[in-house]
Amino acid sequence: MKNRNITRYTYENTDFQGWRVSIQRCGRIITRYFSDLQYGSEEESYRNAVNYRDEVFEEMARHRNDLPEFMDAELAYLQELLRQKEVGGAMPVRKQV
């Protein structure tokens, strides 16, 4: 499962270089990007992407009976994370399902 759900993005004509984690379940898609620039290196951004993917898979296993609700909560968390980054506010806290 080394690279499952993880894709490398390296485009010459864009500023983004890094990894994308994408997980689809119950008609919902969780996507999160891990930039080399943000994490300091390709290896560190990959390590964070793998950790995030594994964390989501562990939570999905815990929430087998309420997986759609968990996926919705994780998507809401990621949307708030993006919003906070745009406005420079405090990082959101994950809500437990």
PDB file of N, CA and C in Angstrom:
ATOM      1  N   MET A   1       0.833  -1.187   0.000  1.00  0.00           N
ATOM      2  CA  MET A   1       0.000   0.000   0.000  1.00  0.00           C
ATOM      3  C   MET A   1       0.879   1.252   0.000  1.00  0.00           C
ATOM      4  N   LYS A   2       2.109   1.162  -0.399  1.00  0.00           N
ATOM      5  CA  LYS A   2       3.056   2.269  -0.291  1.00  0.00           C
ATOM      6  C   LYS A   2       2.519   3.579  -0.863  1.00  0.00           C
ATOM      7  N   ASN A   3       2.074   3.587  -2.110  1.00  0.00           N
ATOM      8  CA  ASN A   3       1.595   4.828  -2.732  1.00  0.00           C
ATOM      9  C   ASN A   3       0.100   4.845  -2.997  1.00  0.00           C
ATOM     10  N   ARG A   4      -0.630   3.912  -2.433  1.00  0.00           N
ATOM     11  CA  ARG A   4      -2.060   3.875  -2.675  1.00  0.00           C
ATOM     12  C   ARG A   4      -2.708   5.180  -2.223  1.00  0.00           C
ATOM     13  N   ASN A   5      -3.499   5.783  -3.091  1.00  0.00           N
ATOM     14  CA  ASN A   5      -4.222   7.025  -2.833  1.00  0.00           C
ATOM     15  C   ASN A   5      -3.316   8.248  -2.747  1.00  0.00           C
ATOM     16  N   ILE A   6      -2.064   8.128  -3.159  1.00  0.00           N
ATOM     17  CA  ILE A   6      -1.126   9.253  -3.134  1.00  0.00           C
ATOM     18  C   ILE A   6      -0.527   9.429  -4.524  1.00  0.00           C
ATOM     19  N   THR A   7      -0.583  10.660  -5.036  1.00  0.00           N
ATOM     20  CA  THR A   7      -0.079  10.972  -6.372  1.00  0.00           C
ATOM     21  C   THR A   7       0.909  12.126  -6.286  1.00  0.00           C
ATOM     22  N   ARG A   8       1.979  12.024  -7.051  1.00  0.00           N
ATOM     23  CA  ARG A   8       2.992  13.090  -7.105  1.00  0.00           C
ATOM     24  C   ARG A   8       2.619  14.091  -8.187  1.00  0.00           C
ATOM     25  N   TYR A   9       2.714  15.384  -7.871  1.00  0.00           N
ATOM     26  CA  TYR A   9       2.477  16.459  -8.838  1.00  0.00           C
ATOM     27  C   TYR A   9       3.752  17.276  -8.983  1.00  0.00           C
ATOM     28  N   THR A  10       4.302  17.275 -10.178  1.00  0.00           N
ATOM     29  CA  THR A  10       5.473  18.102 -10.490  1.00  0.00           C
ATOM     30  C   THR A  10       5.286  18.653 -11.897  1.00  0.00           C
ATOM     31  N   TYR A  11       4.800  19.853 -11.981  1.00  0.00           N
ATOM     32  CA  TYR A  11       4.573  20.506 -13.256  1.00  0.00           C
ATOM     33  C   TYR A  11       5.564  21.646 -13.420  1.00  0.00           C
ATOM     34  N   GLU A  12       6.142  21.756 -14.593  1.00  0.00           N
ATOM     35  CA  GLU A  12       7.129  22.809 -14.840  1.00  0.00           C
ATOM     36  C   GLU A  12       6.506  24.201 -14.853  1.00  0.00           C
ATOM     37  N   ASN A  13       5.276  24.325 -15.314  1.00  0.00           N
ATOM     38  CA  ASN A  13       4.679  25.646 -15.488  1.00  0.00           C
ATOM     39  C   ASN A  13       3.664  26.002 -14.389  1.00  0.00           C
ATOM     40  N   THR A  14       3.803  25.418 -13.200  1.00  0.00           N
ATOM     41  CA  THR A  14       2.989  25.846 -12.060  1.00  0.00           C
ATOM     42  C   THR A  14       3.889  25.969 -10.834  1.00  0.00           C
ATOM     43  N   ASP A  15       3.396  26.650  -9.835  1.00  0.00           N
ATOM     44  CA  ASP A  15       4.160  26.816  -8.603  1.00  0.00           C
ATOM     45  C   ASP A  15       4.071  25.599  -7.691  1.00  0.00           C
ATOM     46  N   PHE A  16       3.012  24.780  -7.855  1.00  0.00           N
ATOM     47  CA  PHE A  16       2.820  23.665  -6.930  1.00  0.00           C
ATOM     48  C   PHE A  16       3.657  22.457  -7.328  1.00  0.00           C
ATOM     49  N   GLN A  17       4.399  21.960  -6.364  1.00  0.00           N
ATOM     50  CA  GLN A  17       5.087  20.681  -6.485  1.00  0.00           C
ATOM     51  C   GLN A  17       4.875  19.970  -5.163  1.00  0.00           C
ATOM     52  N   GLY A  18       4.342  18.779  -5.230  1.00  0.00           N
ATOM     53  CA  GLY A  18       4.090  18.051  -4.002  1.00  0.00           C
ATOM     54  C   GLY A  18       3.255  16.816  -4.238  1.00  0.00           C
ATOM     55  N   TRP A  19       2.541  16.409  -3.201  1.00  0.00           N
ATOM     56  CA  TRP A  19       1.767  15.184  -3.202  1.00  0.00           C
ATOM     57  C   TRP A  19       0.299  15.472  -2.949  1.00  0.00           C
ATOM     58  N   ARG A  20      -0.568  14.642  -3.556  1.00  0.00           N
ATOM     59  CA  ARG A  20      -2.012  14.752  -3.353  1.00  0.00           C
ATOM     60  C   ARG A  20      -2.513  13.439  -2.781  1.00  0.00           C
ATOM     61  N   VAL A  21      -3.280  13.525  -1.703  1.00  0.00           N
ATOM     62  CA  VAL A  21      -3.958  12.364  -1.134  1.00  0.00           C
ATOM     63  C   VAL A  21      -5.416  12.478  -1.552  1.00  0.00           C
ATOM     64  N   SER A  22      -5.942  11.421  -2.146  1.00  0.00           N
ATOM     65  CA  SER A  22      -7.336  11.416  -2.585  1.00  0.00           C
ATOM     66  C   SER A  22      -7.969  10.079  -2.208  1.00  0.00           C
ATOM     67  N   ILE A  23      -9.042  10.148  -1.422  1.00  0.00           N
ATOM     68  CA  ILE A  23      -9.734   8.955  -0.937  1.00  0.00           C
ATOM     69  C   ILE A  23     -11.218   9.126  -1.233  1.00  0.00           C
ATOM     70  N   GLN A  24     -11.800   8.119  -1.889  1.00  0.00           N
ATOM     71  CA  GLN A  24     -13.215   8.179  -2.234  1.00  0.00           C
ATOM     72  C   GLN A  24     -13.965   7.038  -1.570  1.00  0.00           C
ATOM     73  N   ARG A  25     -15.031   7.387  -0.858  1.00  0.00           N
ATOM     74  CA  ARG A  25     -15.916   6.414  -0.232  1.00  0.00           C
ATOM     75  C   ARG A  25     -17.301   7.038  -0.141  1.00  0.00           C
ATOM     76  N   CYS A  26     -18.310   6.234  -0.251  1.00  0.00           N
ATOM     77  CA  CYS A  26     -19.706   6.662  -0.043  1.00  0.00           C
ATOM     78  C   CYS A  26     -20.079   7.863  -0.911  1.00  0.00           C
ATOM     79  N   GLY A  27     -19.540   7.930  -2.113  1.00  0.00           N
ATOM     80  CA  GLY A  27     -19.862   9.036  -3.006  1.00  0.00           C
ATOM     81  C   GLY A  27     -19.214  10.356  -2.631  1.00  0.00           C
ATOM     82  N   ARG A  28     -18.271  10.329  -1.715  1.00  0.00           N
ATOM     83  CA  ARG A  28     -17.574  11.541  -1.282  1.00  0.00           C
ATOM     84  C   ARG A  28     -16.084  11.372  -1.560  1.00  0.00           C
ATOM     85  N   ILE A  29     -15.416  12.468  -1.872  1.00  0.00           N
ATOM     86  CA  ILE A  29     -13.988  12.420  -2.159  1.00  0.00           C
ATOM     87  C   ILE A  29     -13.263  13.381  -1.223  1.00  0.00           C
ATOM     88  N   ILE A  30     -12.319  12.844  -0.474  1.00  0.00           N
ATOM     89  CA  ILE A  30     -11.449  13.661   0.371  1.00  0.00           C
ATOM     90  C   ILE A  30     -10.155  13.856  -0.399  1.00  0.00           C
ATOM     91  N   THR A  31      -9.778  15.113  -0.621  1.00  0.00           N
ATOM     92  CA  THR A  31      -8.533  15.426  -1.321  1.00  0.00           C
ATOM     93  C   THR A  31      -7.773  16.452  -0.511  1.00  0.00           C
ATOM     94  N   ARG A  32      -6.497  16.164  -0.301  1.00  0.00           N
ATOM     95  CA  ARG A  32      -5.644  17.116   0.415  1.00  0.00           C
ATOM     96  C   ARG A  32      -4.271  17.127  -0.244  1.00  0.00           C
ATOM     97  N   TYR A  33      -3.709  18.320  -0.376  1.00  0.00           N
ATOM     98  CA  TYR A  33      -2.414  18.498  -1.026  1.00  0.00           C
ATOM     99  C   TYR A  33      -1.332  18.771   0.013  1.00  0.00           C
ATOM    100  N   PHE A  34      -0.137  18.251  -0.255  1.00  0.00           N
ATOM    101  CA  PHE A  34       1.020  18.423   0.617  1.00  0.00           C
ATOM    102  C   PHE A  34       2.159  18.983  -0.220  1.00  0.00           C
ATOM    103  N   SER A  35       2.410  20.258  -0.080  1.00  0.00           N
ATOM    104  CA  SER A  35       3.387  20.979  -0.884  1.00  0.00           C
ATOM    105  C   SER A  35       4.804  20.769  -0.375  1.00  0.00           C
ATOM    106  N   ASP A  36       5.742  20.558  -1.325  1.00  0.00           N
ATOM    107  CA  ASP A  36       7.156  20.460  -0.957  1.00  0.00           C
ATOM    108  C   ASP A  36       7.618  21.746  -0.288  1.00  0.00           C
ATOM    109  N   LEU A  37       7.157  22.869  -0.794  1.00  0.00           N
ATOM    110  CA  LEU A  37       7.547  24.169  -0.252  1.00  0.00           C
ATOM    111  C   LEU A  37       7.074  24.326   1.193  1.00  0.00           C
ATOM    112  N   GLN A  38       5.841  23.947   1.454  1.00  0.00           N
ATOM    113  CA  GLN A  38       5.276  24.079   2.799  1.00  0.00           C
ATOM    114  C   GLN A  38       5.993  23.174   3.807  1.00  0.00           C
ATOM    115  N   TYR A  39       6.344  21.965   3.385  1.00  0.00           N
ATOM    116  CA  TYR A  39       6.943  21.002   4.311  1.00  0.00           C
ATOM    117  C   TYR A  39       8.457  20.948   4.235  1.00  0.00           C
ATOM    118  N   GLY A  40       9.064  21.719   3.330  1.00  0.00           N
ATOM    119  CA  GLY A  40      10.518  21.842   3.304  1.00  0.00           C
ATOM    120  C   GLY A  40      11.257  20.941   2.341  1.00  0.00           C
ATOM    121  N   SER A  41      10.653  19.830   1.939  1.00  0.00           N
ATOM    122  CA  SER A  41      11.307  18.933   0.983  1.00  0.00           C
ATOM    123  C   SER A  41      10.279  17.947   0.432  1.00  0.00           C
ATOM    124  N   GLU A  42      10.653  17.307  -0.663  1.00  0.00           N
ATOM    125  CA  GLU A  42       9.780  16.288  -1.259  1.00  0.00           C
ATOM    126  C   GLU A  42       9.563  15.131  -0.282  1.00  0.00           C
ATOM    127  N   GLU A  43      10.622  14.733   0.408  1.00  0.00           N
ATOM    128  CA  GLU A  43      10.527  13.612   1.335  1.00  0.00           C
ATOM    129  C   GLU A  43       9.610  13.924   2.519  1.00  0.00           C
ATOM    130  N   GLU A  44       9.731  15.145   3.048  1.00  0.00           N
ATOM    131  CA  GLU A  44       8.911  15.526   4.203  1.00  0.00           C
ATOM    132  C   GLU A  44       7.441  15.681   3.811  1.00  0.00           C
ATOM    133  N   SER A  45       7.168  16.250   2.642  1.00  0.00           N
ATOM    134  CA  SER A  45       5.780  16.378   2.206  1.00  0.00           C
ATOM    135  C   SER A  45       5.186  14.990   1.951  1.00  0.00           C
ATOM    136  N   TYR A  46       5.981  14.071   1.403  1.00  0.00           N
ATOM    137  CA  TYR A  46       5.509  12.698   1.196  1.00  0.00           C
ATOM    138  C   TYR A  46       5.211  12.024   2.537  1.00  0.00           C
ATOM    139  N   ARG A  47       6.096  12.191   3.493  1.00  0.00           N
ATOM    140  CA  ARG A  47       5.900  11.597   4.819  1.00  0.00           C
ATOM    141  C   ARG A  47       4.597  12.106   5.458  1.00  0.00           C
ATOM    142  N   ASN A  48       4.333  13.400   5.318  1.00  0.00           N
ATOM    143  CA  ASN A  48       3.092  13.962   5.864  1.00  0.00           C
ATOM    144  C   ASN A  48       1.873  13.459   5.113  1.00  0.00           C
ATOM    145  N   ALA A  49       1.982  13.301   3.803  1.00  0.00           N
ATOM    146  CA  ALA A  49       0.875  12.768   3.002  1.00  0.00           C
ATOM    147  C   ALA A  49       0.549  11.339   3.430  1.00  0.00           C
ATOM    148  N   VAL A  50       1.569  10.518   3.602  1.00  0.00           N
ATOM    149  CA  VAL A  50       1.369   9.126   4.030  1.00  0.00           C
ATOM    150  C   VAL A  50       0.747   9.089   5.420  1.00  0.00           C
ATOM    151  N   ASN A  51       1.244   9.909   6.327  1.00  0.00           N
ATOM    152  CA  ASN A  51       0.684   9.948   7.686  1.00  0.00           C
ATOM    153  C   ASN A  51      -0.785  10.350   7.671  1.00  0.00           C
ATOM    154  N   TYR A  52      -1.124  11.362   6.859  1.00  0.00           N
ATOM    155  CA  TYR A  52      -2.516  11.804   6.770  1.00  0.00           C
ATOM    156  C   TYR A  52      -3.387  10.687   6.207  1.00  0.00           C
ATOM    157  N   ARG A  53      -2.929  10.063   5.099  1.00  0.00           N
ATOM    158  CA  ARG A  53      -3.697   8.971   4.487  1.00  0.00           C
ATOM    159  C   ARG A  53      -3.933   7.851   5.490  1.00  0.00           C
ATOM    160  N   ASP A  54      -2.890   7.447   6.198  1.00  0.00           N
ATOM    161  CA  ASP A  54      -3.022   6.364   7.171  1.00  0.00           C
ATOM    162  C   ASP A  54      -3.964   6.741   8.307  1.00  0.00           C
ATOM    163  N   GLU A  55      -3.900   7.999   8.743  1.00  0.00           N
ATOM    164  CA  GLU A  55      -4.793   8.488   9.793  1.00  0.00           C
ATOM    165  C   GLU A  55      -6.251   8.429   9.337  1.00  0.00           C
ATOM    166  N   VAL A  56      -6.506   8.854   8.103  1.00  0.00           N
ATOM    167  CA  VAL A  56      -7.873   8.812   7.576  1.00  0.00           C
ATOM    168  C   VAL A  56      -8.353   7.367   7.463  1.00  0.00           C
ATOM    169  N   PHE A  57      -7.513   6.459   6.967  1.00  0.00           N
ATOM    170  CA  PHE A  57      -7.901   5.055   6.863  1.00  0.00           C
ATOM    171  C   PHE A  57      -8.212   4.456   8.235  1.00  0.00           C
ATOM    172  N   GLU A  58      -7.418   4.803   9.245  1.00  0.00           N
ATOM    173  CA  GLU A  58      -7.675   4.305  10.605  1.00  0.00           C
ATOM    174  C   GLU A  58      -9.026   4.813  11.116  1.00  0.00           C
ATOM    175  N   GLU A  59      -9.294   6.087  10.881  1.00  0.00           N
ATOM    176  CA  GLU A  59     -10.578   6.656  11.304  1.00  0.00           C
ATOM    177  C   GLU A  59     -11.739   6.036  10.537  1.00  0.00           C
ATOM    178  N   MET A  60     -11.539   5.777   9.253  1.00  0.00           N
ATOM    179  CA  MET A  60     -12.590   5.143   8.465  1.00  0.00           C
ATOM    180  C   MET A  60     -12.908   3.754   9.011  1.00  0.00           C
ATOM    181  N   ALA A  61     -11.888   3.025   9.431  1.00  0.00           N
ATOM    182  CA  ALA A  61     -12.099   1.693  10.007  1.00  0.00           C
ATOM    183  C   ALA A  61     -12.886   1.796  11.315  1.00  0.00           C
ATOM    184  N   ARG A  62     -12.603   2.826  12.104  1.00  0.00           N
ATOM    185  CA  ARG A  62     -13.338   3.027  13.368  1.00  0.00           C
ATOM    186  C   ARG A  62     -14.785   3.431  13.124  1.00  0.00           C
ATOM    187  N   HIS A  63     -15.048   4.054  11.974  1.00  0.00           N
ATOM    188  CA  HIS A  63     -16.381   4.589  11.678  1.00  0.00           C
ATOM    189  C   HIS A  63     -17.096   3.783  10.598  1.00  0.00           C
ATOM    190  N   ARG A  64     -16.888   2.475  10.585  1.00  0.00           N
ATOM    191  CA  ARG A  64     -17.539   1.645   9.563  1.00  0.00           C
ATOM    192  C   ARG A  64     -19.049   1.812   9.572  1.00  0.00           C
ATOM    193  N   ASN A  65     -19.637   1.945  10.740  1.00  0.00           N
ATOM    194  CA  ASN A  65     -21.099   2.024  10.847  1.00  0.00           C
ATOM    195  C   ASN A  65     -21.658   3.401  10.514  1.00  0.00           C
ATOM    196  N   ASP A  66     -20.823   4.436  10.561  1.00  0.00           N
ATOM    197  CA  ASP A  66     -21.282   5.790  10.245  1.00  0.00           C
ATOM    198  C   ASP A  66     -20.300   6.473   9.296  1.00  0.00           C
ATOM    199  N   LEU A  67     -19.837   5.727   8.298  1.00  0.00           N
ATOM    200  CA  LEU A  67     -18.826   6.233   7.376  1.00  0.00           C
ATOM    201  C   LEU A  67     -19.250   7.497   6.633  1.00  0.00           C
ATOM    202  N   PRO A  68     -20.495   7.587   6.117  1.00  0.00           N
ATOM    203  CA  PRO A  68     -20.874   8.844   5.434  1.00  0.00           C
ATOM    204  C   PRO A  68     -20.744  10.067   6.340  1.00  0.00           C
ATOM    205  N   GLU A  69     -21.124   9.935   7.607  1.00  0.00           N
ATOM    206  CA  GLU A  69     -21.027  11.058   8.532  1.00  0.00           C
ATOM    207  C   GLU A  69     -19.561  11.419   8.789  1.00  0.00           C
ATOM    208  N   PHE A  70     -18.702  10.404   8.916  1.00  0.00           N
ATOM    209  CA  PHE A  70     -17.286  10.675   9.103  1.00  0.00           C
ATOM    210  C   PHE A  70     -16.719  11.397   7.886  1.00  0.00           C
ATOM    211  N   MET A  71     -17.054  10.931   6.684  1.00  0.00           N
ATOM    212  CA  MET A  71     -16.538  11.556   5.460  1.00  0.00           C
ATOM    213  C   MET A  71     -16.998  13.012   5.382  1.00  0.00           C
ATOM    214  N   ASP A  72     -18.268  13.267   5.710  1.00  0.00           N
ATOM    215  CA  ASP A  72     -18.776  14.642   5.708  1.00  0.00           C
ATOM    216  C   ASP A  72     -18.033  15.514   6.713  1.00  0.00           C
ATOM    217  N   ALA A  73     -17.762  14.970   7.902  1.00  0.00           N
ATOM    218  CA  ALA A  73     -17.046  15.730   8.931  1.00  0.00           C
ATOM    219  C   ALA A  73     -15.620  16.037   8.479  1.00  0.00           C
ATOM    220  N   GLU A  74     -14.942  15.075   7.848  1.00  0.00           N
ATOM    221  CA  GLU A  74     -13.575  15.297   7.378  1.00  0.00           C
ATOM    222  C   GLU A  74     -13.555  16.331   6.252  1.00  0.00           C
ATOM    223  N   LEU A  75     -14.537  16.271   5.350  1.00  0.00           N
ATOM    224  CA  LEU A  75     -14.615  17.266   4.282  1.00  0.00           C
ATOM    225  C   LEU A  75     -14.854  18.659   4.848  1.00  0.00           C
ATOM    226  N   ALA A  76     -15.721  18.766   5.850  1.00  0.00           N
ATOM    227  CA  ALA A  76     -15.969  20.065   6.486  1.00  0.00           C
ATOM    228  C   ALA A  76     -14.701  20.579   7.149  1.00  0.00           C
ATOM    229  N   TYR A  77     -13.945  19.696   7.799  1.00  0.00           N
ATOM    230  CA  TYR A  77     -12.675  20.083   8.427  1.00  0.00           C
ATOM    231  C   TYR A  77     -11.696  20.614   7.380  1.00  0.00           C
ATOM    232  N   LEU A  78     -11.569  19.920   6.260  1.00  0.00           N
ATOM    233  CA  LEU A  78     -10.638  20.350   5.214  1.00  0.00           C
ATOM    234  C   LEU A  78     -11.060  21.686   4.601  1.00  0.00           C
ATOM    235  N   GLN A  79     -12.368  21.884   4.416  1.00  0.00           N
ATOM    236  CA  GLN A  79     -12.843  23.165   3.887  1.00  0.00           C
ATOM    237  C   GLN A  79     -12.533  24.302   4.856  1.00  0.00           C
ATOM    238  N   GLU A  80     -12.713  24.064   6.143  1.00  0.00           N
ATOM    239  CA  GLU A  80     -12.408  25.087   7.147  1.00  0.00           C
ATOM    240  C   GLU A  80     -10.896  25.338   7.201  1.00  0.00           C
ATOM    241  N   LEU A  81     -10.106  24.290   7.055  1.00  0.00           N
ATOM    242  CA  LEU A  81      -8.658  24.423   7.021  1.00  0.00           C
ATOM    243  C   LEU A  81      -8.230  25.342   5.876  1.00  0.00           C
ATOM    244  N   LEU A  82      -8.799  25.137   4.701  1.00  0.00           N
ATOM    245  CA  LEU A  82      -8.490  26.001   3.555  1.00  0.00           C
ATOM    246  C   LEU A  82      -8.936  27.439   3.804  1.00  0.00           C
ATOM    247  N   ARG A  83     -10.128  27.604   4.366  1.00  0.00           N
ATOM    248  CA  ARG A  83     -10.639  28.946   4.632  1.00  0.00           C
ATOM    249  C   ARG A  83      -9.736  29.680   5.613  1.00  0.00           C
ATOM    250  N   GLN A  84      -9.285  28.987   6.654  1.00  0.00           N
ATOM    251  CA  GLN A  84      -8.422  29.614   7.654  1.00  0.00           C
ATOM    252  C   GLN A  84      -7.066  29.990   7.065  1.00  0.00           C
ATOM    253  N   LYS A  85      -6.544  29.158   6.165  1.00  0.00           N
ATOM    254  CA  LYS A  85      -5.278  29.479   5.512  1.00  0.00           C
ATOM    255  C   LYS A  85      -5.412  30.733   4.661  1.00  0.00           C
ATOM    256  N   GLU A  86      -6.566  30.890   3.991  1.00  0.00           N
ATOM    257  CA  GLU A  86      -6.791  32.048   3.127  1.00  0.00           C
ATOM    258  C   GLU A  86      -6.871  33.344   3.921  1.00  0.00           C
ATOM    259  N   VAL A  87      -7.499  33.289   5.089  1.00  0.00           N
ATOM    260  CA  VAL A  87      -7.666  34.508   5.880  1.00  0.00           C
ATOM    261  C   VAL A  87      -6.609  34.658   6.966  1.00  0.00           C
ATOM    262  N   GLY A  88      -5.749  33.644   7.125  1.00  0.00           N
ATOM    263  CA  GLY A  88      -4.679  33.725   8.114  1.00  0.00           C
ATOM    264  C   GLY A  88      -5.146  33.574   9.541  1.00  0.00           C
ATOM    265  N   GLY A  89      -6.245  32.850   9.735  1.00  0.00           N
ATOM    266  CA  GLY A  89      -6.779  32.664  11.080  1.00  0.00           C
ATOM    267  C   GLY A  89      -6.209  31.443  11.768  1.00  0.00           C
ATOM    268  N   ALA A  90      -6.767  31.153  12.939  1.00  0.00           N
ATOM    269  CA  ALA A  90      -6.337  29.991  13.719  1.00  0.00           C
ATOM    270  C   ALA A  90      -6.763  28.703  13.023  1.00  0.00           C
ATOM    271  N   MET A  91      -5.957  27.690  13.172  1.00  0.00           N
ATOM    272  CA  MET A  91      -6.248  26.416  12.546  1.00  0.00           C
ATOM    273  C   MET A  91      -7.446  25.766  13.225  1.00  0.00           C
ATOM    274  N   PRO A  92      -8.342  25.142  12.449  1.00  0.00           N
ATOM    275  CA  PRO A  92      -9.540  24.526  13.039  1.00  0.00           C
ATOM    276  C   PRO A  92      -9.200  23.236  13.784  1.00  0.00           C
ATOM    277  N   VAL A  93     -10.066  22.861  14.676  1.00  0.00           N
ATOM    278  CA  VAL A  93      -9.934  21.611  15.428  1.00  0.00           C
ATOM    279  C   VAL A  93     -10.895  20.609  14.822  1.00  0.00           C
ATOM    280  N   ARG A  94     -10.441  19.374  14.653  1.00  0.00           N
ATOM    281  CA  ARG A  94     -11.310  18.328  14.090  1.00  0.00           C
ATOM    282  C   ARG A  94     -12.427  18.012  15.055  1.00  0.00           C
ATOM    283  N   LYS A  95     -13.633  17.910  14.534  1.00  0.00           N
ATOM    284  CA  LYS A  95     -14.778  17.491  15.341  1.00  0.00           C
ATOM    285  C   LYS A  95     -14.849  15.976  15.312  1.00  0.00           C
ATOM    286  N   GLN A  96     -15.109  15.382  16.456  1.00  0.00           N
ATOM    287  CA  GLN A  96     -15.251  13.936  16.551  1.00  0.00           C
ATOM    288  C   GLN A  96     -16.658  13.546  16.175  1.00  0.00           C
ATOM    289  N   VAL A  97     -16.782  12.498  15.351  1.00  0.00           N
ATOM    290  CA  VAL A  97     -18.101  11.999  14.956  1.00  0.00           C
ATOM    291  C   VAL A  97     -18.532  10.941  15.934  1.00  0.00           C
TER     292      VAL A  97
END
